[in-house]
Protein backbone atom coordinates (compact mmCIF):
# COMPACT_ATOMS: atom_id res chain seq x y z
CA MET A 1 154.19 115.57 6.53
CA SER A 2 156.95 113.84 4.83
CA VAL A 3 158.91 110.85 5.99
CA GLN A 4 162.21 113.08 6.04
CA ASN A 5 160.61 115.62 8.10
CA LEU A 6 159.17 113.00 10.71
CA GLU A 7 162.95 111.78 10.83
CA SER A 8 164.07 115.06 11.52
CA ILE A 9 161.55 115.77 14.41
CA VAL A 10 162.51 112.18 15.63
CA LYS A 11 166.13 113.26 15.70
CA ARG A 12 165.35 116.47 17.55
CA LEU A 13 163.25 114.52 20.21
CA GLU A 14 166.04 112.24 20.87
CA THR A 15 168.25 115.22 21.78
CA VAL A 16 165.64 116.64 24.02
CA THR A 17 165.56 113.20 25.65
CA ALA A 18 169.44 113.03 25.96
CA ARG A 19 169.45 116.51 27.96
CA LEU A 20 166.47 115.58 30.24
CA GLU A 21 168.36 112.35 31.01
CA ALA A 22 171.41 114.68 31.83
CA VAL A 23 169.49 116.88 33.83
CA SER A 24 167.76 114.12 35.98
CA THR A 25 170.91 112.74 36.96
CA THR A 26 172.06 116.01 38.59
CA ASN A 27 168.96 117.16 40.31
CA LYS A 28 168.13 115.02 43.45
CA PRO A 29 164.21 114.17 43.22
CA ALA A 30 162.09 115.03 46.31
CA LEU A 31 160.61 112.24 48.25
CA ALA A 32 157.06 111.54 48.16
CA PRO A 33 155.46 113.29 51.60
CA LYS A 34 153.57 110.96 54.07
CA PRO A 35 149.91 110.82 53.29
CA GLY A 36 148.19 113.75 55.19
CA SER A 37 151.30 115.67 55.18
CA THR A 38 152.48 118.66 52.97
CA THR A 39 155.85 120.22 52.24
CA GLY A 40 157.03 123.95 52.05
CA GLY A 41 153.82 125.26 53.79
CA SER A 42 152.23 125.44 50.44
CA ALA A 43 149.05 123.79 51.88
CA PRO A 44 147.67 123.42 55.40
CA THR A 45 148.19 120.05 57.37
CA ALA A 46 145.44 117.73 56.50
CA THR A 47 144.10 115.25 59.43
CA ALA A 48 143.32 111.81 58.13
CA SER A 49 139.64 111.26 57.94
CA SER A 50 138.04 107.69 57.69
CA ALA A 51 134.97 108.65 55.63
CA PRO A 52 136.07 109.31 51.90
CA PRO A 53 134.76 112.72 50.55
CA PRO A 54 132.20 112.71 47.59
CA SER A 55 134.86 113.13 45.01
CA VAL A 56 136.38 109.67 46.27
CA LEU A 57 133.09 108.10 46.52
CA GLN A 58 132.05 109.12 43.05
CA TYR A 59 135.39 107.71 41.72
CA ASP A 60 134.76 104.42 43.27
CA ASP A 61 131.26 104.34 41.82
CA ALA A 62 132.75 104.92 38.51
CA VAL A 63 135.63 102.46 38.27
CA GLU A 64 135.78 100.07 40.89
CA GLY A 65 133.52 97.63 39.33
CA SER A 66 135.46 97.59 36.22
CA LEU A 67 138.49 97.41 37.97
CA LYS A 68 137.31 94.40 39.94
CA THR A 69 136.25 92.52 36.69
CA PHE A 70 139.82 93.37 35.36
CA PHE A 71 141.75 92.16 37.83
CA GLY A 72 139.81 89.17 38.37
CA LEU A 73 140.04 88.21 34.69
CA SER A 74 143.88 89.40 34.74
CA GLU A 75 144.29 86.68 37.60
CA LYS A 76 142.33 84.12 35.69
CA ILE A 77 144.20 84.45 32.64
CA GLY A 78 147.24 84.40 34.81
CA GLY A 79 151.15 84.21 33.30
CA ASP A 80 152.55 87.73 32.65
CA ILE A 81 148.96 89.46 32.95
CA GLY A 82 148.39 88.03 36.51
CA SER A 83 152.01 89.41 37.14
CA ILE A 84 151.41 92.57 36.06
CA ALA A 85 148.18 93.08 37.76
CA PRO A 86 149.31 94.15 41.32
CA LYS A 87 151.39 96.98 39.79
CA VAL A 88 148.25 98.25 37.93
CA ARG A 89 146.31 98.06 41.17
CA GLN A 90 148.73 100.31 42.96
CA VAL A 91 148.43 102.88 40.07
CA PHE A 92 144.88 103.26 40.73
CA ASP A 93 145.08 103.23 44.25
CA HIS A 94 147.62 106.07 44.27
CA LEU A 95 145.20 107.86 41.85
CA ARG A 96 142.41 107.59 44.39
CA ASN A 97 144.56 108.89 47.32
CA TYR A 98 145.65 111.80 45.07
CA ILE A 99 141.97 112.39 44.67
CA TRP A 100 141.44 112.03 48.36
CA PHE A 101 144.55 114.30 49.12
CA ALA A 102 143.29 116.95 46.74
CA ALA A 103 139.79 117.23 48.45
CA GLY A 104 141.42 117.99 51.52
CA THR A 105 143.64 120.64 50.85
CA SER A 106 143.95 124.06 48.63
CA GLU A 107 145.96 123.49 45.46
CA PRO A 108 149.57 122.87 46.49
CA GLY A 109 152.90 124.03 44.58
CA VAL A 110 154.28 122.09 41.78
CA GLU A 111 156.85 120.18 43.69
CA VAL A 112 154.30 118.97 46.18
CA ILE A 113 152.06 117.77 43.05
CA LYS A 114 155.28 116.09 41.51
CA SER A 115 156.11 114.37 44.66
CA LYS A 116 152.40 113.05 45.09
CA LEU A 117 152.38 111.64 41.57
CA GLN A 118 156.13 110.31 41.53
CA PRO A 119 154.90 106.77 42.74
CA ILE A 120 152.53 106.41 39.83
CA GLN A 121 155.25 107.62 37.45
CA GLN A 122 157.63 105.02 38.84
CA LEU A 123 155.02 102.32 38.56
CA ILE A 124 154.13 103.13 35.05
CA GLU A 125 157.77 103.00 34.11
CA GLU A 126 158.24 99.57 35.66
CA ILE A 127 155.40 98.10 33.86
CA GLY A 128 156.71 99.47 30.84
CA GLY A 129 160.05 97.98 31.55
CA PHE A 130 158.39 94.51 32.23
CA LYS A 131 156.42 94.85 28.97
CA ASP A 132 159.69 95.86 26.85
CA SER A 133 161.10 92.30 28.39
CA LYS A 134 158.32 90.35 27.12
CA ARG A 135 158.47 90.99 23.45
CA ASN A 136 157.66 87.89 21.08
CA THR A 137 155.63 86.47 24.01
CA ASP A 138 152.00 85.37 23.87
CA HIS A 139 150.71 88.28 26.13
CA PHE A 140 152.88 91.20 24.68
CA ASN A 141 150.08 92.92 23.28
CA HIS A 142 148.03 92.62 26.40
CA LEU A 143 150.99 94.08 28.49
CA SER A 144 151.36 96.98 25.72
CA SER A 145 147.81 97.67 25.93
CA VAL A 146 148.23 98.42 29.61
CA SER A 147 151.36 100.20 29.63
CA GLU A 148 150.07 102.65 26.64
CA GLY A 149 147.12 103.23 28.27
CA LEU A 150 148.02 103.79 31.89
CA PRO A 151 149.28 107.47 31.42
CA ALA A 152 145.84 108.40 30.99
CA VAL A 153 145.73 108.60 35.00
CA PHE A 154 147.87 111.74 34.72
CA TRP A 155 144.69 113.78 34.04
CA VAL A 156 145.01 114.90 37.69
CA SER A 157 147.83 117.44 36.50
CA VAL A 158 146.15 118.73 33.39
CA LYS A 159 144.37 121.94 32.94
CA PRO A 160 141.74 123.16 31.80
CA THR A 161 140.41 120.11 29.94
CA PRO A 162 141.47 116.54 31.89
CA ALA A 163 138.48 114.64 30.57
CA PRO A 164 139.53 114.79 26.79
CA PHE A 165 143.12 114.13 27.98
CA VAL A 166 142.05 110.86 29.28
CA LYS A 167 140.29 109.94 25.95
CA GLU A 168 143.30 111.00 23.91
CA ALA A 169 145.84 109.24 26.20
CA PHE A 170 144.18 106.05 26.19
CA GLU A 171 143.64 105.91 22.32
CA ALA A 172 147.53 105.53 22.58
CA SER A 173 146.65 101.93 23.63
CA MET A 174 144.03 100.94 20.97
CA PHE A 175 146.52 99.57 18.37
CA TYR A 176 147.49 97.16 20.84
CA VAL A 177 143.94 96.51 22.45
CA ASN A 178 142.86 95.88 18.82
CA ARG A 179 145.63 93.40 18.26
CA VAL A 180 144.42 91.45 21.18
CA ARG A 181 140.81 91.52 19.94
CA LYS A 182 141.92 89.93 16.45
CA ASP A 183 144.43 87.40 18.16
CA TYR A 184 141.96 86.01 20.59
CA LYS A 185 138.64 86.40 18.77
CA GLY A 186 136.19 84.06 20.26
CA LYS A 187 138.28 83.22 23.35
CA ALA A 188 136.07 84.73 26.19
CA GLU A 189 138.30 85.41 29.00
CA HIS A 190 140.65 87.50 26.75
CA GLU A 191 137.45 89.25 25.06
CA ASP A 192 136.10 90.13 28.37
CA TRP A 193 139.61 91.52 29.63
CA VAL A 194 139.67 94.00 26.78
CA LYS A 195 136.22 95.19 27.39
CA ALA A 196 136.82 95.44 31.15
CA TRP A 197 140.26 97.51 30.12
CA ILE A 198 138.29 100.02 27.87
CA GLU A 199 135.42 100.20 30.32
CA ILE A 200 137.87 101.52 33.12
CA PHE A 201 138.83 104.59 31.13
CA ASN A 202 135.65 104.97 29.53
CA GLU A 203 134.13 105.40 32.95
CA LEU A 204 137.22 107.40 34.32
CA GLN A 205 136.66 110.01 31.48
CA LYS A 206 132.88 110.25 32.37
CA TYR A 207 133.85 110.73 35.92
CA VAL A 208 136.48 113.29 35.26
CA ARG A 209 134.02 115.25 32.88
CA GLN A 210 131.38 115.31 35.43
CA VAL A 211 133.51 115.93 38.59
CA HIS A 212 136.71 117.48 37.57
CA THR A 213 135.51 119.59 34.66
CA THR A 214 138.29 121.96 34.55
CA GLY A 215 140.74 120.13 36.47
CA VAL A 216 141.18 118.10 39.77
CA VAL A 217 139.01 119.56 42.54
CA TYR A 218 141.04 120.67 45.47
CA ASN A 219 139.78 121.85 49.07
CA SER A 220 136.09 120.30 48.62
CA ALA A 221 136.48 118.49 51.73
CA PRO A 222 138.83 120.68 53.99
CA GLY A 223 140.86 118.63 56.38
CA SER A 224 140.08 115.19 54.81
CA ALA A 225 142.93 112.99 54.00
CA PRO A 226 143.30 109.32 53.15
CA PRO A 227 144.13 106.85 55.73
CA SER A 228 148.12 106.11 56.17
CA SER A 229 147.24 102.47 55.72
CA SER A 230 145.74 102.73 52.33
CA ALA A 231 148.50 104.53 51.18
CA SER A 232 151.10 102.50 52.60
CA SER A 233 149.72 99.23 51.51
CA SER A 234 150.35 100.16 47.81
CA ALA A 235 153.78 101.93 48.28
CA PRO A 236 157.01 100.05 47.37
CA SER A 237 158.09 97.92 50.34
CA LYS A 238 160.59 99.58 52.65
CA PRO A 239 163.70 97.99 54.04
CA ALA A 240 163.43 96.38 57.70
CA SER A 241 163.60 98.87 60.68
CA GLY A 242 166.98 99.48 62.18
CA GLY A 243 168.54 100.04 59.15
CA PRO A 244 169.82 103.41 57.64
CA PRO A 245 166.91 105.43 56.21
CA PRO A 246 166.36 104.50 52.47
CA PRO A 247 167.86 106.59 50.08
CA PRO A 248 165.69 108.85 47.58
CA PRO A 249 164.24 107.15 44.74
CA PRO A 250 166.02 107.45 41.45
CA PRO A 251 165.04 110.26 39.18
CA PRO A 252 162.50 108.94 36.78
CA PRO A 253 164.23 108.58 33.26
CA ALA A 254 163.17 111.36 30.72
CA GLY A 255 161.36 108.54 29.04
CA LYS A 256 161.10 108.71 25.40
CA PHE A 257 157.82 107.15 25.20
CA LEU A 258 156.63 110.00 27.40
CA ILE A 259 158.06 112.46 24.82
CA ILE A 260 156.70 110.72 21.87
CA PHE A 261 153.44 110.23 23.65
CA ARG A 262 153.24 114.03 24.17
CA PHE A 263 154.31 114.68 20.48
CA ARG A 264 151.78 112.14 19.18
CA CYS A 265 149.05 113.82 21.37
CA MET A 266 149.98 117.31 20.06
CA LEU A 267 149.39 115.73 16.52
CA LYS A 268 146.25 114.74 17.55
CA SER A 269 144.61 117.60 19.37
CA GLU A 270 145.41 121.32 19.89
CA ASN A 271 143.59 120.99 23.06
CA PHE A 272 146.44 118.86 24.56
CA PHE A 273 148.22 120.12 27.64
CA PHE A 274 151.44 118.84 29.09
CA PRO A 275 151.00 117.36 32.62
CA VAL A 276 152.80 120.28 34.70
CA PHE A 277 154.63 118.07 37.03
CA LEU A 278 156.53 116.36 34.08
CA LEU A 279 157.89 119.70 32.29
CA SER A 280 161.16 121.09 33.09
CA LYS A 281 162.88 123.98 32.56
CA GLU A 282 165.53 122.22 30.45
CA LEU A 283 162.35 121.15 27.85
CA LEU A 284 160.91 124.69 28.06
CA MET A 285 164.10 126.21 26.81
CA ILE A 286 164.62 123.82 23.84
CA ASN A 287 162.54 124.91 20.91
CA ILE A 288 161.02 121.44 19.54
C-alpha cells in the first residue's frame, strides 16, 4: 500500500471521526445501571452473591498474581507510573465485575452492555489523556505501554474469537513496551514492570481462550451478581448527598485512537471483530 493511499485512508477516517463526534454530542448516553440491576427488562434481576462464580474465580487465578506484582512495582517506581496505577486497577476491577455480572444473567441487549462497559471506556480515555499530557517525560513510554494495551479488555464484547482479540489488541502496545526495555535495560524494577505488564495479558488471553472460547459466558451462575461495594469502590467519586443528582456522564469522544486501532487490527487480521458496543449507526452507514 502506497503512502498516498494511506494518506487518503487517514483523511477518510478523520471524516468518520468528525461525524461520530457530532453524533455523540446529540445522543444522550445511558447511565451505567447499579450493580445487580438491568434495564429495559432484557435480563432478569440478579441478587448479589457473596461467593464469586467459577468464571470469576478462574479470572482471579489467572491474572491477580501478575496484577499484584505490576501495581507493587508501579508504586515502587512512583512518579507518573504510580499516579496512573489506581485507574488501571479500576479498569480491571470493572472487567472482573462484568464477568461476574455476565455469569449471573442471560445475555442482555446492546444498550445494557454499553452502559456496563462505559466506565471502562471512560477510564481508558482518561489514562490516554494523562499519557498525552506527559510527552517528552521520562515515563512517557511506560504510560503509552499502558494506554495502548488496555483496550484488550474489550474482549468481553467480541465474538466469536475473543482470545485472538486480546493478543492482537495488546500487540498495539509492544512498540512502547520495547522502548521501555531498551531505555531501561539493566534496571531491574523497570524490567520487572515490563514483564508483569506482558504477563497480565498473556494470562488473560489464556483465561479467555479456556473459559470464554467463543465469547463471554453468560448465565453460568444464574442470580449471581458482584457485591455493590466492589463496584462502587472503583467507580468515579460521587458528589456529597443532599445536592441534585449527578448529570449523565459526557459521551465518550469518538476517539481517533479507537478508529485507528480498529483499522490497524483490520490490516493485521481478517478475524478482527469490532466491539459491538462501540459501533454506531453512523459508522455503519459510512463506507470506509
